[in-house]
Amino acid sequence: MAPQSSKFLHDYGFDLVLGSIAAFYVFMAPYTKVEESFNVQAMHDILYHRHQLENYDHLEFPGVVPRTFIGYCALIVSILASPVILAMNLLHLPKIYSLFAVRLVLGCIILLTLRFFRIQVRNKFGNQVEAIFVILTALQFHMLFYCTRPLPNILALGLVNLAYGYSLKGSFYTALKCLRMLLFRIFATVVFRCDMLLLLGPLGLQLLL
């Protein structure tokens, strides 16, 4: 039993530490600010109105909300959180618990991509560098606080983590594909982020060398 516990901690100990801190931030600061409200409203409509499109809030207040349905935030997070939301509805729990649920699901998605990046860091640079990476991530506030918040930058972060992970793994074509997906999403939402070119450029140069 002890060896199994030791192996579990060895494989997932860092994930438990980072996930626990992120979950702590969710429960300590559950409410959203304006930039997050568009994605949160979209997830609410998908989870509670489902096929009743006439009740969707973005039809009455058009703007940036309809575009949130294109990205993975509103759709995939809602799908993954739907069993939990269904159980909450059966138990007649307040809707604030649904906000906890969708934010925790989003945090899990981002932290899974961060885990992939961290494993590639370990494979490339060793266990000590991986440990330092985790310590820095745990001690600095922004990463784990914002990884559960449905902001455009956080939605892009998952693909960026994958891109850097594949680049460390040596799969430069896959890394470029991740960044290309990210750029497609940016263009699709008519928001061109020049900083993404700073990520695409070095990976492209590595491919040429």
N, C-alpha and C. Protein backbone atom coordinates (compact mmCIF):
# COMPACT_ATOMS: atom_id res chain seq x y z
N MET A 1 0.83 -1.20 0.00
CA MET A 1 0.00 0.00 0.00
C MET A 1 0.87 1.26 0.00
N ALA A 2 1.92 1.23 0.82
CA ALA A 2 2.82 2.39 0.90
C ALA A 2 3.50 2.69 -0.43
N PRO A 3 4.03 1.66 -1.13
CA PRO A 3 4.63 1.95 -2.44
C PRO A 3 3.64 2.56 -3.44
N GLN A 4 2.38 2.12 -3.40
CA GLN A 4 1.38 2.67 -4.30
C GLN A 4 1.12 4.14 -3.98
N SER A 5 1.03 4.46 -2.68
CA SER A 5 0.83 5.85 -2.27
C SER A 5 2.02 6.71 -2.68
N SER A 6 3.22 6.15 -2.52
CA SER A 6 4.42 6.88 -2.89
C SER A 6 4.45 7.14 -4.40
N LYS A 7 4.06 6.14 -5.18
CA LYS A 7 4.03 6.31 -6.63
C LYS A 7 2.99 7.35 -7.03
N PHE A 8 1.83 7.33 -6.36
CA PHE A 8 0.78 8.31 -6.67
C PHE A 8 1.26 9.72 -6.39
N LEU A 9 1.91 9.91 -5.24
CA LEU A 9 2.43 11.24 -4.91
C LEU A 9 3.53 11.66 -5.87
N HIS A 10 4.33 10.70 -6.29
CA HIS A 10 5.40 11.01 -7.24
C HIS A 10 4.83 11.46 -8.58
N ASP A 11 3.73 10.80 -9.00
CA ASP A 11 3.15 11.11 -10.30
C ASP A 11 2.26 12.36 -10.27
N TYR A 12 1.54 12.54 -9.16
CA TYR A 12 0.52 13.58 -9.13
C TYR A 12 0.66 14.56 -7.96
N GLY A 13 1.73 14.46 -7.21
CA GLY A 13 1.90 15.34 -6.05
C GLY A 13 1.92 16.81 -6.43
N PHE A 14 2.69 17.15 -7.45
CA PHE A 14 2.76 18.54 -7.89
C PHE A 14 1.40 19.03 -8.38
N ASP A 15 0.67 18.15 -9.06
CA ASP A 15 -0.66 18.53 -9.55
C ASP A 15 -1.61 18.80 -8.39
N LEU A 16 -1.53 17.99 -7.34
CA LEU A 16 -2.37 18.20 -6.17
C LEU A 16 -2.07 19.53 -5.50
N VAL A 17 -0.78 19.87 -5.42
CA VAL A 17 -0.40 21.14 -4.80
C VAL A 17 -0.96 22.32 -5.59
N LEU A 18 -0.70 22.32 -6.90
CA LEU A 18 -1.16 23.43 -7.73
C LEU A 18 -2.69 23.47 -7.81
N GLY A 19 -3.32 22.31 -7.93
CA GLY A 19 -4.78 22.26 -7.99
C GLY A 19 -5.43 22.73 -6.70
N SER A 20 -4.84 22.39 -5.55
CA SER A 20 -5.38 22.82 -4.26
C SER A 20 -5.32 24.33 -4.11
N ILE A 21 -4.22 24.92 -4.54
CA ILE A 21 -4.09 26.38 -4.45
C ILE A 21 -5.10 27.05 -5.37
N ALA A 22 -5.23 26.54 -6.60
CA ALA A 22 -6.20 27.12 -7.54
C ALA A 22 -7.62 27.00 -6.99
N ALA A 23 -7.97 25.85 -6.39
CA ALA A 23 -9.30 25.65 -5.82
C ALA A 23 -9.53 26.59 -4.65
N PHE A 24 -8.50 26.81 -3.84
CA PHE A 24 -8.60 27.75 -2.72
C PHE A 24 -8.97 29.15 -3.22
N TYR A 25 -8.34 29.58 -4.30
CA TYR A 25 -8.65 30.89 -4.86
C TYR A 25 -10.08 30.95 -5.37
N VAL A 26 -10.57 29.84 -5.94
CA VAL A 26 -11.94 29.81 -6.45
C VAL A 26 -12.93 30.06 -5.31
N PHE A 27 -12.74 29.39 -4.19
CA PHE A 27 -13.70 29.51 -3.09
C PHE A 27 -13.52 30.80 -2.30
N MET A 28 -12.32 31.36 -2.32
CA MET A 28 -12.10 32.62 -1.61
C MET A 28 -12.56 33.82 -2.43
N ALA A 29 -12.51 33.70 -3.75
CA ALA A 29 -12.92 34.82 -4.61
C ALA A 29 -13.76 34.27 -5.77
N PRO A 30 -14.99 33.86 -5.50
CA PRO A 30 -15.78 33.16 -6.53
C PRO A 30 -16.40 34.07 -7.57
N TYR A 31 -16.57 35.34 -7.28
CA TYR A 31 -17.34 36.19 -8.17
C TYR A 31 -16.49 36.68 -9.35
N THR A 32 -17.18 37.14 -10.38
CA THR A 32 -16.52 37.49 -11.63
C THR A 32 -16.47 39.00 -11.83
N LYS A 33 -15.54 39.43 -12.69
CA LYS A 33 -15.51 40.82 -13.09
C LYS A 33 -16.07 40.93 -14.51
N VAL A 34 -16.11 42.14 -15.04
CA VAL A 34 -16.84 42.39 -16.29
C VAL A 34 -16.32 41.53 -17.44
N GLU A 35 -14.99 41.45 -17.59
CA GLU A 35 -14.44 40.71 -18.72
C GLU A 35 -14.81 39.23 -18.68
N GLU A 36 -15.04 38.69 -17.49
CA GLU A 36 -15.40 37.28 -17.36
C GLU A 36 -16.88 37.04 -17.56
N SER A 37 -17.69 38.07 -17.38
CA SER A 37 -19.14 37.89 -17.34
C SER A 37 -19.69 37.38 -18.66
N PHE A 38 -19.04 37.71 -19.79
CA PHE A 38 -19.56 37.27 -21.08
C PHE A 38 -19.50 35.75 -21.20
N ASN A 39 -18.36 35.18 -20.86
CA ASN A 39 -18.23 33.72 -20.91
C ASN A 39 -19.08 33.04 -19.85
N VAL A 40 -19.15 33.64 -18.68
CA VAL A 40 -19.96 33.05 -17.61
C VAL A 40 -21.43 33.03 -18.01
N GLN A 41 -21.92 34.13 -18.61
CA GLN A 41 -23.31 34.18 -19.06
C GLN A 41 -23.58 33.14 -20.14
N ALA A 42 -22.61 32.97 -21.05
CA ALA A 42 -22.78 31.98 -22.11
C ALA A 42 -22.86 30.57 -21.52
N MET A 43 -22.00 30.26 -20.55
CA MET A 43 -22.04 28.94 -19.91
C MET A 43 -23.35 28.75 -19.15
N HIS A 44 -23.82 29.80 -18.50
CA HIS A 44 -25.11 29.71 -17.81
C HIS A 44 -26.23 29.35 -18.77
N ASP A 45 -26.26 30.03 -19.93
CA ASP A 45 -27.34 29.77 -20.89
C ASP A 45 -27.27 28.35 -21.44
N ILE A 46 -26.05 27.86 -21.73
CA ILE A 46 -25.91 26.50 -22.24
C ILE A 46 -26.38 25.49 -21.20
N LEU A 47 -26.01 25.71 -19.94
CA LEU A 47 -26.31 24.74 -18.89
C LEU A 47 -27.76 24.77 -18.44
N TYR A 48 -28.37 25.95 -18.42
CA TYR A 48 -29.71 26.07 -17.85
C TYR A 48 -30.81 26.21 -18.91
N HIS A 49 -30.52 26.83 -20.04
CA HIS A 49 -31.53 26.97 -21.08
C HIS A 49 -31.41 25.91 -22.17
N ARG A 50 -30.20 25.36 -22.32
CA ARG A 50 -29.92 24.29 -23.26
C ARG A 50 -30.48 24.61 -24.67
N HIS A 51 -31.49 23.86 -25.13
CA HIS A 51 -31.98 24.03 -26.49
C HIS A 51 -32.98 25.18 -26.62
N GLN A 52 -33.36 25.82 -25.53
CA GLN A 52 -34.32 26.92 -25.58
C GLN A 52 -33.59 28.22 -25.93
N LEU A 53 -33.26 28.34 -27.21
CA LEU A 53 -32.41 29.45 -27.66
C LEU A 53 -33.06 30.80 -27.45
N GLU A 54 -34.38 30.84 -27.45
CA GLU A 54 -35.05 32.14 -27.29
C GLU A 54 -34.80 32.75 -25.92
N ASN A 55 -34.38 31.92 -24.96
CA ASN A 55 -34.11 32.42 -23.60
C ASN A 55 -32.65 32.84 -23.41
N TYR A 56 -31.82 32.64 -24.41
CA TYR A 56 -30.40 32.98 -24.26
C TYR A 56 -30.22 34.49 -24.13
N ASP A 57 -29.41 34.86 -23.17
CA ASP A 57 -29.22 36.27 -22.85
C ASP A 57 -28.62 37.05 -24.01
N HIS A 58 -27.77 36.43 -24.81
CA HIS A 58 -27.08 37.17 -25.87
C HIS A 58 -28.02 37.60 -26.99
N LEU A 59 -29.20 36.99 -27.06
CA LEU A 59 -30.17 37.43 -28.06
C LEU A 59 -30.78 38.77 -27.68
N GLU A 60 -30.95 38.99 -26.39
CA GLU A 60 -31.51 40.26 -25.92
C GLU A 60 -30.45 41.34 -25.81
N PHE A 61 -29.22 40.94 -25.46
CA PHE A 61 -28.12 41.89 -25.31
C PHE A 61 -26.96 41.45 -26.21
N PRO A 62 -27.04 41.68 -27.51
CA PRO A 62 -26.00 41.22 -28.42
C PRO A 62 -24.69 41.98 -28.19
N GLY A 63 -23.62 41.37 -28.61
CA GLY A 63 -22.29 41.97 -28.43
C GLY A 63 -21.25 40.89 -28.47
N VAL A 64 -20.39 40.86 -27.48
CA VAL A 64 -19.32 39.86 -27.48
C VAL A 64 -19.79 38.50 -27.02
N VAL A 65 -20.93 38.41 -26.37
CA VAL A 65 -21.38 37.12 -25.83
C VAL A 65 -21.54 36.06 -26.90
N PRO A 66 -22.17 36.32 -28.09
CA PRO A 66 -22.32 35.26 -29.08
C PRO A 66 -21.00 34.62 -29.48
N ARG A 67 -19.91 35.39 -29.48
CA ARG A 67 -18.63 34.85 -29.92
C ARG A 67 -18.04 33.87 -28.90
N THR A 68 -18.50 33.95 -27.65
CA THR A 68 -17.98 33.03 -26.65
C THR A 68 -18.43 31.60 -26.93
N PHE A 69 -19.47 31.41 -27.73
CA PHE A 69 -19.93 30.07 -28.04
C PHE A 69 -19.00 29.37 -29.02
N ILE A 70 -18.14 30.13 -29.71
CA ILE A 70 -17.24 29.53 -30.68
C ILE A 70 -16.08 28.85 -29.98
N GLY A 71 -15.54 29.48 -28.95
CA GLY A 71 -14.38 28.95 -28.26
C GLY A 71 -14.72 27.77 -27.37
N TYR A 72 -13.66 27.12 -26.84
CA TYR A 72 -13.90 25.94 -26.05
C TYR A 72 -14.39 26.28 -24.65
N CYS A 73 -14.27 27.54 -24.25
CA CYS A 73 -14.64 27.87 -22.87
C CYS A 73 -16.10 27.56 -22.60
N ALA A 74 -17.00 28.27 -23.30
CA ALA A 74 -18.42 28.12 -23.02
C ALA A 74 -18.92 26.72 -23.33
N LEU A 75 -18.50 26.17 -24.45
CA LEU A 75 -19.07 24.88 -24.89
C LEU A 75 -18.48 23.70 -24.13
N ILE A 76 -17.15 23.55 -24.18
CA ILE A 76 -16.53 22.37 -23.57
C ILE A 76 -16.64 22.40 -22.06
N VAL A 77 -16.42 23.57 -21.45
CA VAL A 77 -16.55 23.66 -20.00
C VAL A 77 -17.97 23.32 -19.57
N SER A 78 -18.96 23.80 -20.32
CA SER A 78 -20.35 23.50 -19.99
C SER A 78 -20.64 22.01 -20.11
N ILE A 79 -20.12 21.37 -21.16
CA ILE A 79 -20.34 19.94 -21.34
C ILE A 79 -19.73 19.15 -20.19
N LEU A 80 -18.50 19.48 -19.82
CA LEU A 80 -17.83 18.75 -18.74
C LEU A 80 -18.48 19.00 -17.38
N ALA A 81 -19.00 20.21 -17.20
CA ALA A 81 -19.61 20.54 -15.91
C ALA A 81 -21.07 20.11 -15.81
N SER A 82 -21.68 19.72 -16.93
CA SER A 82 -23.13 19.44 -16.94
C SER A 82 -23.57 18.34 -15.97
N PRO A 83 -22.80 17.22 -15.79
CA PRO A 83 -23.26 16.23 -14.80
C PRO A 83 -23.32 16.79 -13.38
N VAL A 84 -22.33 17.63 -13.04
CA VAL A 84 -22.32 18.24 -11.71
C VAL A 84 -23.49 19.21 -11.57
N ILE A 85 -23.75 19.99 -12.61
CA ILE A 85 -24.86 20.94 -12.56
C ILE A 85 -26.19 20.21 -12.45
N LEU A 86 -26.32 19.08 -13.15
CA LEU A 86 -27.54 18.28 -13.05
C LEU A 86 -27.77 17.80 -11.63
N ALA A 87 -26.71 17.30 -10.99
CA ALA A 87 -26.82 16.86 -9.60
C ALA A 87 -27.19 18.02 -8.68
N MET A 88 -26.62 19.18 -8.94
CA MET A 88 -26.95 20.35 -8.12
C MET A 88 -28.41 20.75 -8.28
N ASN A 89 -28.92 20.66 -9.51
CA ASN A 89 -30.33 20.99 -9.74
C ASN A 89 -31.25 20.00 -9.02
N LEU A 90 -30.87 18.73 -9.02
CA LEU A 90 -31.69 17.73 -8.33
C LEU A 90 -31.69 17.96 -6.82
N LEU A 91 -30.59 18.48 -6.32
CA LEU A 91 -30.48 18.77 -4.88
C LEU A 91 -30.96 20.17 -4.52
N HIS A 92 -31.39 20.93 -5.55
CA HIS A 92 -31.91 22.30 -5.36
C HIS A 92 -30.88 23.20 -4.67
N LEU A 93 -29.65 23.08 -5.08
CA LEU A 93 -28.59 23.92 -4.53
C LEU A 93 -28.60 25.29 -5.21
N PRO A 94 -28.15 26.32 -4.52
CA PRO A 94 -28.10 27.66 -5.13
C PRO A 94 -27.20 27.70 -6.36
N LYS A 95 -27.47 28.64 -7.26
CA LYS A 95 -26.72 28.73 -8.50
C LYS A 95 -25.26 29.10 -8.30
N ILE A 96 -24.93 29.67 -7.16
CA ILE A 96 -23.54 30.04 -6.93
C ILE A 96 -22.63 28.81 -6.98
N TYR A 97 -23.18 27.65 -6.62
CA TYR A 97 -22.38 26.42 -6.69
C TYR A 97 -22.09 26.03 -8.15
N SER A 98 -22.97 26.42 -9.06
CA SER A 98 -22.70 26.18 -10.48
C SER A 98 -21.51 27.00 -10.94
N LEU A 99 -21.38 28.21 -10.41
CA LEU A 99 -20.22 29.04 -10.75
C LEU A 99 -18.94 28.39 -10.24
N PHE A 100 -19.00 27.84 -9.03
CA PHE A 100 -17.84 27.09 -8.52
C PHE A 100 -17.48 25.95 -9.47
N ALA A 101 -18.52 25.23 -9.92
CA ALA A 101 -18.29 24.04 -10.74
C ALA A 101 -17.62 24.40 -12.07
N VAL A 102 -18.15 25.38 -12.78
CA VAL A 102 -17.58 25.70 -14.09
C VAL A 102 -16.18 26.29 -13.97
N ARG A 103 -15.94 27.04 -12.90
CA ARG A 103 -14.60 27.60 -12.72
C ARG A 103 -13.59 26.51 -12.37
N LEU A 104 -14.01 25.53 -11.59
CA LEU A 104 -13.11 24.41 -11.26
C LEU A 104 -12.83 23.56 -12.50
N VAL A 105 -13.83 23.37 -13.35
CA VAL A 105 -13.62 22.60 -14.58
C VAL A 105 -12.64 23.33 -15.49
N LEU A 106 -12.81 24.63 -15.64
CA LEU A 106 -11.89 25.41 -16.46
C LEU A 106 -10.47 25.33 -15.89
N GLY A 107 -10.35 25.42 -14.56
CA GLY A 107 -9.04 25.30 -13.92
C GLY A 107 -8.40 23.96 -14.19
N CYS A 108 -9.21 22.89 -14.18
CA CYS A 108 -8.67 21.56 -14.47
C CYS A 108 -8.13 21.47 -15.89
N ILE A 109 -8.84 22.08 -16.84
CA ILE A 109 -8.38 22.06 -18.24
C ILE A 109 -7.04 22.76 -18.36
N ILE A 110 -6.93 23.95 -17.78
CA ILE A 110 -5.69 24.72 -17.88
C ILE A 110 -4.56 24.01 -17.16
N LEU A 111 -4.84 23.46 -15.98
CA LEU A 111 -3.79 22.78 -15.22
C LEU A 111 -3.36 21.47 -15.88
N LEU A 112 -4.25 20.83 -16.62
CA LEU A 112 -3.84 19.64 -17.38
C LEU A 112 -2.85 20.01 -18.48
N THR A 113 -3.10 21.13 -19.15
CA THR A 113 -2.14 21.57 -20.16
C THR A 113 -0.83 22.00 -19.51
N LEU A 114 -0.92 22.58 -18.32
CA LEU A 114 0.29 22.96 -17.59
C LEU A 114 1.06 21.72 -17.14
N ARG A 115 0.33 20.66 -16.79
CA ARG A 115 0.98 19.40 -16.42
C ARG A 115 1.77 18.84 -17.60
N PHE A 116 1.16 18.88 -18.79
CA PHE A 116 1.88 18.40 -19.97
C PHE A 116 3.16 19.20 -20.20
N PHE A 117 3.07 20.53 -20.06
CA PHE A 117 4.24 21.38 -20.21
C PHE A 117 5.28 21.06 -19.14
N ARG A 118 4.83 20.87 -17.90
CA ARG A 118 5.75 20.57 -16.79
C ARG A 118 6.48 19.24 -17.01
N ILE A 119 5.77 18.24 -17.50
CA ILE A 119 6.40 16.94 -17.75
C ILE A 119 7.49 17.07 -18.82
N GLN A 120 7.23 17.88 -19.83
CA GLN A 120 8.25 18.08 -20.86
C GLN A 120 9.45 18.84 -20.30
N VAL A 121 9.20 19.76 -19.37
CA VAL A 121 10.30 20.45 -18.69
C VAL A 121 11.15 19.45 -17.91
N ARG A 122 10.50 18.52 -17.23
CA ARG A 122 11.22 17.49 -16.47
C ARG A 122 12.04 16.59 -17.40
N ASN A 123 11.43 16.18 -18.49
CA ASN A 123 12.13 15.30 -19.42
C ASN A 123 13.33 15.99 -20.07
N LYS A 124 13.20 17.29 -20.26
CA LYS A 124 14.26 18.03 -20.95
C LYS A 124 15.37 18.48 -20.00
N PHE A 125 14.98 18.94 -18.80
CA PHE A 125 15.95 19.59 -17.91
C PHE A 125 16.16 18.88 -16.58
N GLY A 126 15.32 17.88 -16.25
CA GLY A 126 15.53 17.13 -15.02
C GLY A 126 14.55 17.48 -13.92
N ASN A 127 14.58 16.68 -12.84
CA ASN A 127 13.63 16.81 -11.74
C ASN A 127 13.79 18.11 -10.96
N GLN A 128 15.03 18.58 -10.80
CA GLN A 128 15.24 19.80 -10.03
C GLN A 128 14.62 21.01 -10.70
N VAL A 129 14.76 21.10 -12.01
CA VAL A 129 14.15 22.22 -12.74
C VAL A 129 12.63 22.12 -12.68
N GLU A 130 12.10 20.91 -12.75
CA GLU A 130 10.65 20.73 -12.61
C GLU A 130 10.18 21.22 -11.25
N ALA A 131 10.90 20.87 -10.19
CA ALA A 131 10.53 21.30 -8.84
C ALA A 131 10.55 22.82 -8.72
N ILE A 132 11.58 23.44 -9.28
CA ILE A 132 11.67 24.91 -9.24
C ILE A 132 10.51 25.52 -10.02
N PHE A 133 10.18 24.92 -11.16
CA PHE A 133 9.04 25.38 -11.96
C PHE A 133 7.75 25.37 -11.14
N VAL A 134 7.52 24.27 -10.40
CA VAL A 134 6.31 24.15 -9.59
C VAL A 134 6.32 25.15 -8.44
N ILE A 135 7.48 25.32 -7.79
CA ILE A 135 7.58 26.26 -6.66
C ILE A 135 7.28 27.68 -7.12
N LEU A 136 7.86 28.07 -8.25
CA LEU A 136 7.61 29.41 -8.77
C LEU A 136 6.13 29.60 -9.14
N THR A 137 5.54 28.57 -9.75
CA THR A 137 4.13 28.65 -10.12
C THR A 137 3.24 28.75 -8.89
N ALA A 138 3.58 28.02 -7.84
CA ALA A 138 2.77 28.02 -6.62
C ALA A 138 2.90 29.33 -5.85
N LEU A 139 4.10 29.92 -5.86
CA LEU A 139 4.35 31.10 -5.04
C LEU A 139 3.86 32.39 -5.70
N GLN A 140 3.92 32.45 -7.02
CA GLN A 140 3.42 33.67 -7.66
C GLN A 140 1.90 33.56 -7.81
N PHE A 141 1.23 34.68 -7.64
CA PHE A 141 -0.22 34.68 -7.46
C PHE A 141 -1.01 34.48 -8.75
N HIS A 142 -0.61 35.15 -9.82
CA HIS A 142 -1.49 35.33 -10.96
C HIS A 142 -1.87 34.04 -11.67
N MET A 143 -0.92 33.16 -11.89
CA MET A 143 -1.17 31.97 -12.69
C MET A 143 -2.31 31.14 -12.11
N LEU A 144 -2.21 30.78 -10.85
CA LEU A 144 -3.20 29.89 -10.25
C LEU A 144 -4.50 30.61 -9.91
N PHE A 145 -4.44 31.90 -9.70
CA PHE A 145 -5.68 32.65 -9.45
C PHE A 145 -6.49 32.78 -10.73
N TYR A 146 -5.83 33.12 -11.83
CA TYR A 146 -6.55 33.39 -13.06
C TYR A 146 -6.82 32.17 -13.91
N CYS A 147 -6.20 31.03 -13.61
CA CYS A 147 -6.42 29.85 -14.44
C CYS A 147 -7.86 29.34 -14.37
N THR A 148 -8.63 29.77 -13.37
CA THR A 148 -10.03 29.36 -13.26
C THR A 148 -10.99 30.44 -13.74
N ARG A 149 -10.46 31.51 -14.28
CA ARG A 149 -11.31 32.63 -14.68
C ARG A 149 -11.43 32.68 -16.20
N PRO A 150 -12.64 32.68 -16.74
CA PRO A 150 -12.84 32.58 -18.19
C PRO A 150 -12.56 33.88 -18.92
N LEU A 151 -11.30 34.28 -18.91
CA LEU A 151 -10.84 35.46 -19.65
C LEU A 151 -10.22 35.01 -20.98
N PRO A 152 -10.22 35.87 -21.99
CA PRO A 152 -9.62 35.49 -23.28
C PRO A 152 -8.17 35.04 -23.16
N ASN A 153 -7.38 35.71 -22.32
CA ASN A 153 -5.98 35.33 -22.16
C ASN A 153 -5.84 33.93 -21.56
N ILE A 154 -6.73 33.59 -20.64
CA ILE A 154 -6.68 32.27 -20.00
C ILE A 154 -7.09 31.20 -21.00
N LEU A 155 -8.05 31.50 -21.85
CA LEU A 155 -8.47 30.53 -22.86
C LEU A 155 -7.33 30.26 -23.83
N ALA A 156 -6.55 31.31 -24.12
CA ALA A 156 -5.40 31.13 -25.00
C ALA A 156 -4.27 30.37 -24.30
N LEU A 157 -4.20 30.48 -22.98
CA LEU A 157 -3.10 29.90 -22.22
C LEU A 157 -3.00 28.39 -22.39
N GLY A 158 -4.15 27.71 -22.48
CA GLY A 158 -4.12 26.25 -22.65
C GLY A 158 -3.38 25.84 -23.90
N LEU A 159 -3.67 26.51 -25.02
CA LEU A 159 -3.00 26.19 -26.28
C LEU A 159 -1.53 26.59 -26.25
N VAL A 160 -1.22 27.69 -25.56
CA VAL A 160 0.17 28.11 -25.44
C VAL A 160 0.98 27.09 -24.64
N ASN A 161 0.38 26.57 -23.54
CA ASN A 161 1.06 25.52 -22.76
C ASN A 161 1.35 24.30 -23.62
N LEU A 162 0.37 23.91 -24.42
CA LEU A 162 0.57 22.75 -25.30
C LEU A 162 1.65 23.03 -26.33
N ALA A 163 1.64 24.24 -26.89
CA ALA A 163 2.63 24.58 -27.91
C ALA A 163 4.04 24.53 -27.35
N TYR A 164 4.25 25.12 -26.17
CA TYR A 164 5.57 25.09 -25.56
C TYR A 164 5.96 23.67 -25.14
N GLY A 165 4.98 22.91 -24.67
CA GLY A 165 5.27 21.52 -24.30
C GLY A 165 5.74 20.70 -25.48
N TYR A 166 5.04 20.84 -26.60
CA TYR A 166 5.44 20.09 -27.81
C TYR A 166 6.77 20.59 -28.35
N SER A 167 7.05 21.87 -28.17
CA SER A 167 8.35 22.38 -28.64
C SER A 167 9.49 21.79 -27.83
N LEU A 168 9.30 21.67 -26.49
CA LEU A 168 10.31 21.03 -25.66
C LEU A 168 10.45 19.55 -25.98
N LYS A 169 9.34 18.95 -26.38
CA LYS A 169 9.35 17.53 -26.73
C LYS A 169 10.04 17.29 -28.07
N GLY A 170 10.19 18.36 -28.84
CA GLY A 170 10.82 18.24 -30.16
C GLY A 170 9.83 18.14 -31.28
N SER A 171 8.53 18.20 -30.97
CA SER A 171 7.50 18.12 -32.00
C SER A 171 7.13 19.53 -32.45
N PHE A 172 8.00 20.14 -33.24
CA PHE A 172 7.81 21.53 -33.60
C PHE A 172 6.59 21.72 -34.50
N TYR A 173 6.32 20.76 -35.36
CA TYR A 173 5.15 20.90 -36.24
C TYR A 173 3.87 20.90 -35.42
N THR A 174 3.79 20.05 -34.39
CA THR A 174 2.62 20.04 -33.52
C THR A 174 2.52 21.33 -32.73
N ALA A 175 3.67 21.84 -32.27
CA ALA A 175 3.67 23.11 -31.54
C ALA A 175 3.15 24.25 -32.42
N LEU A 176 3.60 24.29 -33.67
CA LEU A 176 3.13 25.32 -34.58
C LEU A 176 1.64 25.15 -34.87
N LYS A 177 1.18 23.90 -34.90
CA LYS A 177 -0.25 23.66 -35.13
C LYS A 177 -1.08 24.22 -33.97
N CYS A 178 -0.58 24.05 -32.73
CA CYS A 178 -1.28 24.60 -31.56
C CYS A 178 -1.37 26.11 -31.66
N LEU A 179 -0.25 26.75 -32.01
CA LEU A 179 -0.26 28.20 -32.14
C LEU A 179 -1.13 28.65 -33.31
N ARG A 180 -1.16 27.85 -34.38
CA ARG A 180 -2.02 28.19 -35.50
C ARG A 180 -3.49 28.13 -35.09
N MET A 181 -3.86 27.12 -34.29
CA MET A 181 -5.22 27.04 -33.77
C MET A 181 -5.55 28.27 -32.94
N LEU A 182 -4.56 28.69 -32.15
CA LEU A 182 -4.75 29.87 -31.32
C LEU A 182 -4.96 31.11 -32.18
N LEU A 183 -4.16 31.27 -33.22
CA LEU A 183 -4.30 32.42 -34.11
C LEU A 183 -5.64 32.39 -34.84
N PHE A 184 -6.10 31.20 -35.25
CA PHE A 184 -7.40 31.09 -35.91
C PHE A 184 -8.52 31.57 -34.98
N ARG A 185 -8.40 31.16 -33.71
CA ARG A 185 -9.43 31.59 -32.76
C ARG A 185 -9.40 33.10 -32.58
N ILE A 186 -8.20 33.65 -32.55
CA ILE A 186 -8.07 35.10 -32.38
C ILE A 186 -8.69 35.84 -33.56
N PHE A 187 -8.36 35.38 -34.78
CA PHE A 187 -8.91 36.02 -35.96
C PHE A 187 -10.43 35.83 -36.02
N ALA A 188 -10.89 34.66 -35.60
CA ALA A 188 -12.33 34.37 -35.65
C ALA A 188 -13.11 35.31 -34.74
N THR A 189 -12.51 35.73 -33.64
CA THR A 189 -13.18 36.65 -32.72
C THR A 189 -12.82 38.10 -33.01
N VAL A 190 -12.14 38.33 -34.15
CA VAL A 190 -11.77 39.68 -34.59
C VAL A 190 -10.97 40.40 -33.51
N VAL A 191 -10.09 39.67 -32.86
CA VAL A 191 -9.19 40.27 -31.87
C VAL A 191 -7.79 39.80 -32.22
N PHE A 192 -7.00 40.64 -32.84
CA PHE A 192 -5.65 40.25 -33.24
C PHE A 192 -4.69 40.59 -32.12
N ARG A 193 -4.05 39.56 -31.59
CA ARG A 193 -3.11 39.76 -30.49
C ARG A 193 -1.69 39.62 -31.04
N CYS A 194 -0.99 40.76 -31.11
CA CYS A 194 0.36 40.75 -31.69
C CYS A 194 1.33 39.94 -30.84
N ASP A 195 1.06 39.80 -29.54
CA ASP A 195 1.99 39.06 -28.69
C ASP A 195 2.05 37.59 -29.06
N MET A 196 1.02 37.08 -29.74
CA MET A 196 1.06 35.69 -30.18
C MET A 196 2.15 35.47 -31.23
N LEU A 197 2.47 36.53 -31.99
CA LEU A 197 3.55 36.41 -32.97
C LEU A 197 4.89 36.21 -32.28
N LEU A 198 5.02 36.72 -31.06
CA LEU A 198 6.26 36.51 -30.30
C LEU A 198 6.43 35.05 -29.92
N LEU A 199 5.33 34.31 -29.81
CA LEU A 199 5.42 32.88 -29.54
C LEU A 199 5.65 32.09 -30.82
N LEU A 200 4.99 32.54 -31.89
CA LEU A 200 5.09 31.82 -33.16
C LEU A 200 6.48 31.97 -33.78
N GLY A 201 7.07 33.16 -33.63
CA GLY A 201 8.37 33.43 -34.26
C GLY A 201 9.48 32.51 -33.80
N PRO A 202 9.76 32.43 -32.48
CA PRO A 202 10.85 31.55 -32.03
C PRO A 202 10.66 30.09 -32.40
N LEU A 203 9.41 29.60 -32.35
CA LEU A 203 9.17 28.21 -32.71
C LEU A 203 9.44 27.99 -34.21
N GLY A 204 9.05 28.98 -35.01
CA GLY A 204 9.33 28.87 -36.43
C GLY A 204 10.82 28.89 -36.74
N LEU A 205 11.57 29.73 -36.01
CA LEU A 205 13.02 29.78 -36.20
C LEU A 205 13.68 28.46 -35.79
N GLN A 206 13.19 27.87 -34.70
CA GLN A 206 13.72 26.57 -34.28
C GLN A 206 13.52 25.51 -35.35
N LEU A 207 12.38 25.61 -36.01
CA LEU A 207 12.06 24.64 -37.05
C LEU A 207 13.03 24.76 -38.24
N LEU A 208 13.46 26.01 -38.51
CA LEU A 208 14.33 26.24 -39.64
C LEU A 208 15.78 25.89 -39.35
N LEU A 209 16.18 25.95 -38.07
CA LEU A 209 17.58 25.69 -37.72
C LEU A 209 17.92 24.21 -37.72
